[in-house]
Amino acid sequence: SALPALWNRKMEDYLGVKPPNDAQGVLQDIHWSMGAFGYFPTYTLGNMYAAQLFNAARKDIADFDGKLERGEFQPLREWLRENVHRHGMRYRSEELCRKATGEALNAKHFTGYLTSKFSEIYKI
């Protein structure tokens, strides 16, 4: 197939890197080899929902951060069971998010998480 050669050439053109083999090049991710390029936004959506659910749980559970630091995950698990898991597929994602967090999906939770994480890591 022409794809590995094209992949390697474009990697070199765009990034100055030539993969040593197809496993580290064109086949490095199962999504790419099956042509599922449009799948990647679902990871971002999942991260956005996770950050928003995390913030809602943090508000509802007393001493949330302390419990996590001590490895006490049961309160979070129970919160997720009550607010998310028990509903199964009863609601579409947007409605479940609103029921669990009190608001529609909102990017501010994820961007806040990223800002906090990378500000600490890179001292910015």
C-alpha atoms as a PDB file:
ATOM      1  CA  SER A   1       0.000   0.000   0.000  1.00  0.00           C
ATOM      2  CA  ALA A   2       1.087   3.578  -0.630  1.00  0.00           C
ATOM      3  CA  LEU A   3      -0.146   4.754   2.766  1.00  0.00           C
ATOM      4  CA  PRO A   4       2.958   3.895   4.857  1.00  0.00           C
ATOM      5  CA  ALA A   5       5.251   5.691   2.410  1.00  0.00           C
ATOM      6  CA  LEU A   6       2.964   8.727   2.268  1.00  0.00           C
ATOM      7  CA  TRP A   7       2.662   8.732   6.068  1.00  0.00           C
ATOM      8  CA  ASN A   8       6.437   8.631   6.509  1.00  0.00           C
ATOM      9  CA  ARG A   9       6.979  11.378   3.946  1.00  0.00           C
ATOM     10  CA  LYS A  10       4.415  13.682   5.569  1.00  0.00           C
ATOM     11  CA  MET A  11       5.800  12.988   9.053  1.00  0.00           C
ATOM     12  CA  GLU A  12       9.189  14.011   7.768  1.00  0.00           C
ATOM     13  CA  ASP A  13       7.786  17.080   5.944  1.00  0.00           C
ATOM     14  CA  TYR A  14       5.654  18.293   8.854  1.00  0.00           C
ATOM     15  CA  LEU A  15       7.644  17.196  11.891  1.00  0.00           C
ATOM     16  CA  GLY A  16      11.140  16.336  10.682  1.00  0.00           C
ATOM     17  CA  VAL A  17      10.737  12.771  11.956  1.00  0.00           C
ATOM     18  CA  LYS A  18      10.744   9.556   9.976  1.00  0.00           C
ATOM     19  CA  PRO A  19       9.189   6.598  11.828  1.00  0.00           C
ATOM     20  CA  PRO A  20      11.561   3.600  11.943  1.00  0.00           C
ATOM     21  CA  ASN A  21       8.760   1.160  11.073  1.00  0.00           C
ATOM     22  CA  ASP A  22       5.028   1.047  10.349  1.00  0.00           C
ATOM     23  CA  ALA A  23       4.175   0.017  13.922  1.00  0.00           C
ATOM     24  CA  GLN A  24       5.572   3.347  15.120  1.00  0.00           C
ATOM     25  CA  GLY A  25       4.291   5.195  12.066  1.00  0.00           C
ATOM     26  CA  VAL A  26       1.064   4.698  10.188  1.00  0.00           C
ATOM     27  CA  LEU A  27      -0.122   1.818  12.419  1.00  0.00           C
ATOM     28  CA  GLN A  28       0.707   3.346  15.811  1.00  0.00           C
ATOM     29  CA  ASP A  29      -2.962   3.810  16.683  1.00  0.00           C
ATOM     30  CA  ILE A  30      -5.780   1.387  15.892  1.00  0.00           C
ATOM     31  CA  HIS A  31      -8.083   4.288  15.003  1.00  0.00           C
ATOM     32  CA  TRP A  32      -5.798   5.432  12.192  1.00  0.00           C
ATOM     33  CA  SER A  33      -5.398   2.044  10.538  1.00  0.00           C
ATOM     34  CA  MET A  34      -9.168   1.570  10.434  1.00  0.00           C
ATOM     35  CA  GLY A  35      -9.744   5.118   9.169  1.00  0.00           C
ATOM     36  CA  ALA A  36     -11.584   6.376  12.279  1.00  0.00           C
ATOM     37  CA  PHE A  37     -10.051   9.861  12.292  1.00  0.00           C
ATOM     38  CA  GLY A  38     -13.361  11.446  13.336  1.00  0.00           C
ATOM     39  CA  TYR A  39     -13.273   9.396  16.541  1.00  0.00           C
ATOM     40  CA  PHE A  40     -10.773  11.647  18.311  1.00  0.00           C
ATOM     41  CA  PRO A  41     -13.247  14.399  19.313  1.00  0.00           C
ATOM     42  CA  THR A  42     -15.045  11.840  21.470  1.00  0.00           C
ATOM     43  CA  TYR A  43     -11.995  11.740  23.737  1.00  0.00           C
ATOM     44  CA  THR A  44     -12.280  15.478  24.259  1.00  0.00           C
ATOM     45  CA  LEU A  45     -15.993  15.222  24.952  1.00  0.00           C
ATOM     46  CA  GLY A  46     -15.317  12.451  27.465  1.00  0.00           C
ATOM     47  CA  ASN A  47     -12.707  14.599  29.179  1.00  0.00           C
ATOM     48  CA  MET A  48     -15.117  17.543  29.297  1.00  0.00           C
ATOM     49  CA  TYR A  49     -17.865  15.426  30.869  1.00  0.00           C
ATOM     50  CA  ALA A  50     -15.386  13.886  33.327  1.00  0.00           C
ATOM     51  CA  ALA A  51     -14.115  17.278  34.485  1.00  0.00           C
ATOM     52  CA  GLN A  52     -17.647  18.576  34.976  1.00  0.00           C
ATOM     53  CA  LEU A  53     -18.762  15.469  36.872  1.00  0.00           C
ATOM     54  CA  PHE A  54     -15.615  15.648  38.987  1.00  0.00           C
ATOM     55  CA  ASN A  55     -16.339  19.261  39.936  1.00  0.00           C
ATOM     56  CA  ALA A  56     -19.940  18.448  40.805  1.00  0.00           C
ATOM     57  CA  ALA A  57     -18.830  15.537  43.000  1.00  0.00           C
ATOM     58  CA  ARG A  58     -16.247  17.797  44.642  1.00  0.00           C
ATOM     59  CA  LYS A  59     -19.046  20.209  45.616  1.00  0.00           C
ATOM     60  CA  ASP A  60     -21.313  17.465  46.935  1.00  0.00           C
ATOM     61  CA  ILE A  61     -18.817  15.360  48.902  1.00  0.00           C
ATOM     62  CA  ALA A  62     -17.367  16.808  52.098  1.00  0.00           C
ATOM     63  CA  ASP A  63     -13.556  16.791  52.243  1.00  0.00           C
ATOM     64  CA  PHE A  64     -13.493  15.438  48.691  1.00  0.00           C
ATOM     65  CA  ASP A  65      -9.817  16.144  47.994  1.00  0.00           C
ATOM     66  CA  GLY A  66      -8.729  14.816  51.386  1.00  0.00           C
ATOM     67  CA  LYS A  67     -10.640  11.595  50.826  1.00  0.00           C
ATOM     68  CA  LEU A  68      -9.028  11.057  47.436  1.00  0.00           C
ATOM     69  CA  GLU A  69      -5.586  11.828  48.856  1.00  0.00           C
ATOM     70  CA  ARG A  70      -6.161   9.162  51.514  1.00  0.00           C
ATOM     71  CA  GLY A  71      -7.318   6.657  48.895  1.00  0.00           C
ATOM     72  CA  GLU A  72     -10.925   6.780  50.080  1.00  0.00           C
ATOM     73  CA  PHE A  73     -12.723   6.354  46.761  1.00  0.00           C
ATOM     74  CA  GLN A  74     -16.018   4.946  48.050  1.00  0.00           C
ATOM     75  CA  PRO A  75     -17.721   8.360  48.409  1.00  0.00           C
ATOM     76  CA  LEU A  76     -16.896   9.195  44.792  1.00  0.00           C
ATOM     77  CA  ARG A  77     -18.012   5.758  43.626  1.00  0.00           C
ATOM     78  CA  GLU A  78     -21.301   6.158  45.491  1.00  0.00           C
ATOM     79  CA  TRP A  79     -21.781   9.661  44.053  1.00  0.00           C
ATOM     80  CA  LEU A  80     -21.211   8.299  40.543  1.00  0.00           C
ATOM     81  CA  ARG A  81     -23.593   5.371  41.161  1.00  0.00           C
ATOM     82  CA  GLU A  82     -26.302   7.726  42.386  1.00  0.00           C
ATOM     83  CA  ASN A  83     -25.868  10.468  39.828  1.00  0.00           C
ATOM     84  CA  VAL A  84     -24.605   8.657  36.717  1.00  0.00           C
ATOM     85  CA  HIS A  85     -24.371   4.865  36.708  1.00  0.00           C
ATOM     86  CA  ARG A  86     -27.867   4.019  37.932  1.00  0.00           C
ATOM     87  CA  HIS A  87     -29.372   5.762  34.932  1.00  0.00           C
ATOM     88  CA  GLY A  88     -27.716   3.454  32.420  1.00  0.00           C
ATOM     89  CA  MET A  89     -28.798   4.609  28.968  1.00  0.00           C
ATOM     90  CA  ARG A  90     -32.020   6.251  30.173  1.00  0.00           C
ATOM     91  CA  TYR A  91     -30.789   9.722  29.203  1.00  0.00           C
ATOM     92  CA  ARG A  92     -28.722  11.147  26.407  1.00  0.00           C
ATOM     93  CA  SER A  93     -25.346  12.512  27.526  1.00  0.00           C
ATOM     94  CA  GLU A  94     -26.419  16.159  27.597  1.00  0.00           C
ATOM     95  CA  GLU A  95     -29.470  15.449  29.757  1.00  0.00           C
ATOM     96  CA  LEU A  96     -27.550  13.164  32.124  1.00  0.00           C
ATOM     97  CA  CYS A  97     -24.902  15.848  32.523  1.00  0.00           C
ATOM     98  CA  ARG A  98     -27.547  18.431  33.388  1.00  0.00           C
ATOM     99  CA  LYS A  99     -29.181  16.099  35.927  1.00  0.00           C
ATOM    100  CA  ALA A 100     -25.868  15.143  37.561  1.00  0.00           C
ATOM    101  CA  THR A 101     -24.203  18.557  37.575  1.00  0.00           C
ATOM    102  CA  GLY A 102     -27.014  21.086  37.373  1.00  0.00           C
ATOM    103  CA  GLU A 103     -25.861  22.532  34.053  1.00  0.00           C
ATOM    104  CA  ALA A 104     -25.361  21.645  30.416  1.00  0.00           C
ATOM    105  CA  LEU A 105     -21.930  20.525  29.305  1.00  0.00           C
ATOM    106  CA  ASN A 106     -19.650  23.493  29.888  1.00  0.00           C
ATOM    107  CA  ALA A 107     -16.058  23.670  28.682  1.00  0.00           C
ATOM    108  CA  LYS A 108     -15.051  25.881  31.621  1.00  0.00           C
ATOM    109  CA  HIS A 109     -14.658  22.798  33.821  1.00  0.00           C
ATOM    110  CA  PHE A 110     -12.207  21.143  31.445  1.00  0.00           C
ATOM    111  CA  THR A 111     -10.286  24.318  30.644  1.00  0.00           C
ATOM    112  CA  GLY A 112     -10.088  25.035  34.370  1.00  0.00           C
ATOM    113  CA  TYR A 113      -8.649  21.574  34.953  1.00  0.00           C
ATOM    114  CA  LEU A 114      -6.091  22.035  32.169  1.00  0.00           C
ATOM    115  CA  THR A 115      -5.105  25.494  33.383  1.00  0.00           C
ATOM    116  CA  SER A 116      -4.658  24.247  36.929  1.00  0.00           C
ATOM    117  CA  LYS A 117      -2.704  21.163  35.894  1.00  0.00           C
ATOM    118  CA  PHE A 118      -0.346  22.819  33.450  1.00  0.00           C
ATOM    119  CA  SER A 119       0.132  25.968  35.506  1.00  0.00           C
ATOM    120  CA  GLU A 120       1.465  23.787  38.303  1.00  0.00           C
ATOM    121  CA  ILE A 121       3.591  21.582  36.053  1.00  0.00           C
ATOM    122  CA  TYR A 122       5.155  24.404  34.039  1.00  0.00           C
ATOM    123  CA  LYS A 123       5.029  27.121  36.714  1.00  0.00           C
ATOM    124  CA  ILE A 124       3.021  29.479  34.507  1.00  0.00           C
END
